Amino acid sequence: MLLFSPQVTGLLAAGLRSLLVAAAATPQAEHVSWEEASVPRAQPMQGELQLVLQFHSIEHDWEPYCLPFSERTHLAVRAWSDSQLPWIRAEYDNPRARYFVRRGTFAERLLARAAPHDRIVVVGRVRAQFLGQPWIEVIAACPAREQIPLGTVLHTSRAINLLQRKATRLALEQFERALAAPLPAHARKALLRLMPARESQSVEISAVK
C-alpha cells in the first residue's frame, strides 16, 4: 500500500477536483445562472446547461405534480442560486433554486453527502417549467473550485452587525477572516464593497445571526 505525504495527497485531491470540474463543464453545456434559466419562455431552455448551486438541503415528501420526477426515481435538492449572498437574511431565508437528481448516479451520491453552503457545479436539462420555475434534472455534478463556506457567512454576518453598532475595527477583523476563504469573484467583490475602509456607504442590510 502506497502512503503519500499530506502535501502530495493535497495535490492529488486538487488534481482530481480539477478533472471532475472539467468533466462537468462539457463543451455542449451552456453556462447560465439560475435566474437566466428562470426567465419565462414559450419553451423551456434546450440542451445541456451548466449552473453553480449553493447547497441548502435535501427535500423530503415533495409533491411531483405532473412532472417527470418522483421520490422513487429522483432526489430533490433545495439550493441558493449562485448569485445569492447567504449572509443577507432575506436571501438566506429564501433559497431560490431546486434541482432533481436521478437516484443511483454519482451526482446523487455527491449531493446526498453535501453540506449546507457547499458550492457545486452541475450540468442538467430543463425538463419542464412549472409555477414559474425551471425543473432541472441534474446529469453531472462536481465540487466547485471556489466556495462560500459557513465560516465566511458567519464572519460577514458578525461584521455587518458590528458595523451597525459602529464597532468598525472589530468589523474589519471579521471581514478579513471572511475573505480568507477561496471565494468566487462575485462574493469577494460584494464583501469588499461592504468594508468601510473601501466603501464609505452605510450598511443597510439585515445580516444572518
Protein backbone atom coordinates (compact mmCIF):
# COMPACT_ATOMS: atom_id res chain seq x y z
CA MET A 1 0.00 0.00 0.00
CA LEU A 2 1.43 3.38 -1.06
CA LEU A 3 1.49 6.15 1.51
CA PHE A 4 1.73 9.80 0.49
CA SER A 5 2.67 12.89 2.45
CA PRO A 6 -0.12 15.37 3.28
CA GLN A 7 1.31 17.72 0.65
CA VAL A 8 1.17 15.09 -2.10
CA THR A 9 -2.29 13.99 -1.00
CA GLY A 10 -3.46 17.59 -1.22
CA LEU A 11 -2.04 17.96 -4.73
CA LEU A 12 -3.69 14.72 -5.86
CA ALA A 13 -7.03 15.83 -4.41
CA ALA A 14 -6.75 19.20 -6.14
CA GLY A 15 -5.92 17.50 -9.43
CA LEU A 16 -8.85 15.13 -9.12
CA ARG A 17 -11.18 18.04 -8.37
CA SER A 18 -9.91 19.87 -11.45
CA LEU A 19 -10.61 16.80 -13.59
CA LEU A 20 -14.11 16.50 -12.16
CA VAL A 21 -14.82 20.17 -12.83
CA ALA A 22 -13.56 19.82 -16.38
CA ALA A 23 -15.71 16.71 -16.88
CA ALA A 24 -18.82 18.50 -15.66
CA ALA A 25 -18.15 21.53 -17.87
CA THR A 26 -18.85 19.71 -21.12
CA PRO A 27 -18.44 21.74 -24.33
CA GLN A 28 -22.15 21.28 -25.10
CA ALA A 29 -23.28 22.76 -21.78
CA GLU A 30 -24.22 26.44 -21.93
CA HIS A 31 -23.15 28.24 -18.74
CA VAL A 32 -26.17 30.06 -17.27
CA SER A 33 -27.35 31.35 -13.92
CA TRP A 34 -30.44 30.07 -12.16
CA GLU A 35 -32.04 33.45 -12.77
CA GLU A 36 -31.43 33.17 -16.53
CA ALA A 37 -32.92 29.67 -16.58
CA SER A 38 -35.95 31.01 -14.68
CA VAL A 39 -36.92 33.69 -17.23
CA PRO A 40 -40.44 32.84 -18.55
CA ARG A 41 -40.31 31.40 -22.07
CA ALA A 42 -42.72 29.88 -24.54
CA GLN A 43 -40.48 26.78 -24.46
CA PRO A 44 -38.01 25.69 -21.73
CA MET A 45 -34.30 26.18 -22.44
CA GLN A 46 -32.98 23.38 -24.60
CA GLY A 47 -29.80 21.31 -24.38
CA GLU A 48 -27.35 20.86 -21.56
CA LEU A 49 -26.91 23.74 -19.11
CA GLN A 50 -24.07 24.30 -16.66
CA LEU A 51 -25.03 26.01 -13.41
CA VAL A 52 -23.49 26.51 -9.98
CA LEU A 53 -25.60 25.89 -6.90
CA GLN A 54 -25.02 26.56 -3.23
CA PHE A 55 -26.42 23.53 -1.41
CA HIS A 56 -29.13 24.17 1.17
CA SER A 57 -30.83 20.84 1.93
CA ILE A 58 -32.44 17.65 0.67
CA GLU A 59 -36.21 17.91 0.30
CA HIS A 60 -38.46 15.15 1.59
CA ASP A 61 -42.13 14.40 0.91
CA TRP A 62 -42.21 16.74 -2.07
CA GLU A 63 -45.16 16.79 -4.45
CA PRO A 64 -44.25 15.79 -8.04
CA TYR A 65 -47.50 17.16 -9.53
CA CYS A 66 -47.42 16.32 -13.25
CA LEU A 67 -43.64 16.42 -13.54
CA PRO A 68 -41.39 13.66 -14.91
CA PHE A 69 -39.88 13.10 -11.44
CA SER A 70 -40.89 11.12 -8.37
CA GLU A 71 -39.38 10.45 -4.96
CA ARG A 72 -38.75 6.87 -6.06
CA THR A 73 -36.61 7.89 -9.05
CA HIS A 74 -35.15 11.26 -8.05
CA LEU A 75 -33.63 13.14 -5.12
CA ALA A 76 -34.91 16.71 -4.73
CA VAL A 77 -32.32 19.35 -3.77
CA ARG A 78 -33.02 22.84 -2.47
CA ALA A 79 -30.23 25.36 -3.07
CA TRP A 80 -29.32 29.00 -3.14
CA SER A 81 -28.64 30.30 -6.62
CA ASP A 82 -25.00 31.22 -7.17
CA SER A 83 -25.86 34.93 -7.20
CA GLN A 84 -27.49 34.81 -3.75
CA LEU A 85 -25.31 36.04 -0.88
CA PRO A 86 -26.19 33.84 2.10
CA TRP A 87 -25.03 36.36 4.73
CA ILE A 88 -28.03 38.53 3.81
CA ARG A 89 -31.07 37.46 5.83
CA ALA A 90 -33.61 37.88 3.01
CA GLU A 91 -31.54 35.67 0.70
CA TYR A 92 -30.52 33.18 3.38
CA ASP A 93 -34.19 32.56 4.18
CA ASN A 94 -35.17 32.16 0.53
CA PRO A 95 -33.08 29.60 -1.38
CA ARG A 96 -34.41 30.07 -4.92
CA ALA A 97 -33.15 27.00 -6.74
CA ARG A 98 -34.47 23.47 -6.94
CA TYR A 99 -32.88 20.52 -8.72
CA PHE A 100 -33.75 16.87 -9.26
CA VAL A 101 -31.07 14.18 -9.36
CA ARG A 102 -31.64 10.65 -10.59
CA ARG A 103 -31.07 8.11 -7.84
CA GLY A 104 -28.15 5.71 -8.16
CA THR A 105 -25.91 8.16 -10.02
CA PHE A 106 -22.59 9.72 -8.98
CA ALA A 107 -24.32 13.12 -8.94
CA GLU A 108 -26.94 11.82 -6.49
CA ARG A 109 -24.25 10.40 -4.18
CA LEU A 110 -22.35 13.68 -4.23
CA LEU A 111 -25.39 15.85 -3.50
CA ALA A 112 -26.75 13.46 -0.88
CA ARG A 113 -23.49 13.94 1.08
CA ALA A 114 -23.29 17.71 0.53
CA ALA A 115 -23.21 20.09 3.48
CA PRO A 116 -25.08 23.40 3.63
CA HIS A 117 -23.24 26.16 1.70
CA ASP A 118 -21.23 23.72 -0.45
CA ARG A 119 -20.88 25.19 -3.95
CA ILE A 120 -21.36 22.55 -6.65
CA VAL A 121 -21.10 22.71 -10.43
CA VAL A 122 -23.96 20.84 -12.09
CA VAL A 123 -24.85 20.02 -15.67
CA GLY A 124 -28.53 19.47 -16.28
CA ARG A 125 -31.51 19.77 -18.59
CA VAL A 126 -34.72 21.70 -18.08
CA ARG A 127 -37.38 19.00 -18.17
CA ALA A 128 -40.35 21.29 -17.51
CA GLN A 129 -41.45 24.72 -16.37
CA PHE A 130 -43.96 24.83 -13.52
CA LEU A 131 -45.14 27.54 -11.11
CA GLY A 132 -42.68 29.99 -12.67
CA GLN A 133 -39.59 27.84 -12.12
CA PRO A 134 -37.46 25.60 -14.32
CA TRP A 135 -37.47 21.97 -13.19
CA ILE A 136 -33.92 20.85 -13.88
CA GLU A 137 -32.69 17.26 -13.92
CA VAL A 138 -29.01 17.03 -12.94
CA ILE A 139 -26.96 14.68 -15.11
CA ALA A 140 -23.47 15.50 -13.76
CA ALA A 141 -22.08 17.22 -10.69
CA CYS A 142 -18.76 18.04 -9.06
CA PRO A 143 -17.49 20.31 -6.26
CA ALA A 144 -16.71 23.86 -7.38
CA ARG A 145 -13.15 25.14 -7.02
CA GLU A 146 -14.34 28.27 -5.20
CA GLN A 147 -16.53 28.11 -2.12
CA ILE A 148 -18.54 30.36 0.22
CA PRO A 149 -18.12 28.33 3.42
CA LEU A 150 -20.23 28.67 6.53
CA GLY A 151 -17.33 30.41 8.25
CA THR A 152 -17.43 33.23 5.70
CA VAL A 153 -21.19 33.60 6.18
CA LEU A 154 -20.80 33.83 9.96
CA HIS A 155 -17.83 36.22 9.89
CA THR A 156 -19.61 38.51 7.42
CA SER A 157 -22.80 38.50 9.45
CA ARG A 158 -20.83 39.44 12.56
CA ALA A 159 -19.03 42.19 10.64
CA ILE A 160 -22.33 43.69 9.46
CA ASN A 161 -23.75 43.63 12.97
CA LEU A 162 -20.56 45.26 14.32
CA LEU A 163 -20.76 47.99 11.68
CA GLN A 164 -24.32 48.72 12.70
CA ARG A 165 -23.02 49.15 16.26
CA LYS A 166 -20.22 51.47 14.99
CA ALA A 167 -17.52 48.96 16.04
CA THR A 168 -15.54 49.49 12.84
CA ARG A 169 -12.20 47.99 13.91
CA LEU A 170 -13.79 44.76 15.10
CA ALA A 171 -15.90 44.63 11.93
CA LEU A 172 -12.78 44.89 9.76
CA GLU A 173 -11.24 41.93 11.59
CA GLN A 174 -14.33 39.85 10.81
CA PHE A 175 -14.25 40.90 7.16
CA GLU A 176 -10.59 39.86 6.87
CA ARG A 177 -11.46 36.42 8.24
CA ALA A 178 -14.37 36.13 5.82
CA LEU A 179 -12.11 37.00 2.89
CA ALA A 180 -9.60 34.26 3.78
CA ALA A 181 -11.75 31.62 2.07
CA PRO A 182 -11.36 30.71 -1.64
CA LEU A 183 -14.35 32.85 -2.61
CA PRO A 184 -15.85 33.23 -6.10
CA ALA A 185 -15.21 36.63 -7.64
CA HIS A 186 -18.75 37.99 -7.20
CA ALA A 187 -18.82 37.15 -3.47
CA ARG A 188 -15.36 38.62 -2.85
CA LYS A 189 -16.38 41.80 -4.68
CA ALA A 190 -19.56 42.07 -2.58
CA LEU A 191 -17.56 41.73 0.64
CA LEU A 192 -15.02 44.35 -0.41
CA ARG A 193 -17.86 46.76 -1.14
CA LEU A 194 -19.14 46.31 2.42
CA MET A 195 -15.80 47.03 4.09
CA PRO A 196 -15.81 50.60 5.44
CA ALA A 197 -12.15 51.14 4.55
CA ARG A 198 -13.02 50.56 0.89
CA GLU A 199 -16.58 51.88 0.73
CA SER A 200 -17.97 54.81 2.66
CA GLN A 201 -21.63 53.98 2.23
CA SER A 202 -23.55 52.80 5.28
CA VAL A 203 -24.68 49.21 5.54
CA GLU A 204 -28.44 48.93 5.17
CA ILE A 205 -28.95 45.17 5.10
CA SER A 206 -30.07 42.67 7.69
CA ALA A 207 -27.46 40.02 8.41
CA VAL A 208 -27.93 36.35 9.28
CA LYS A 209 -27.46 35.78 13.01
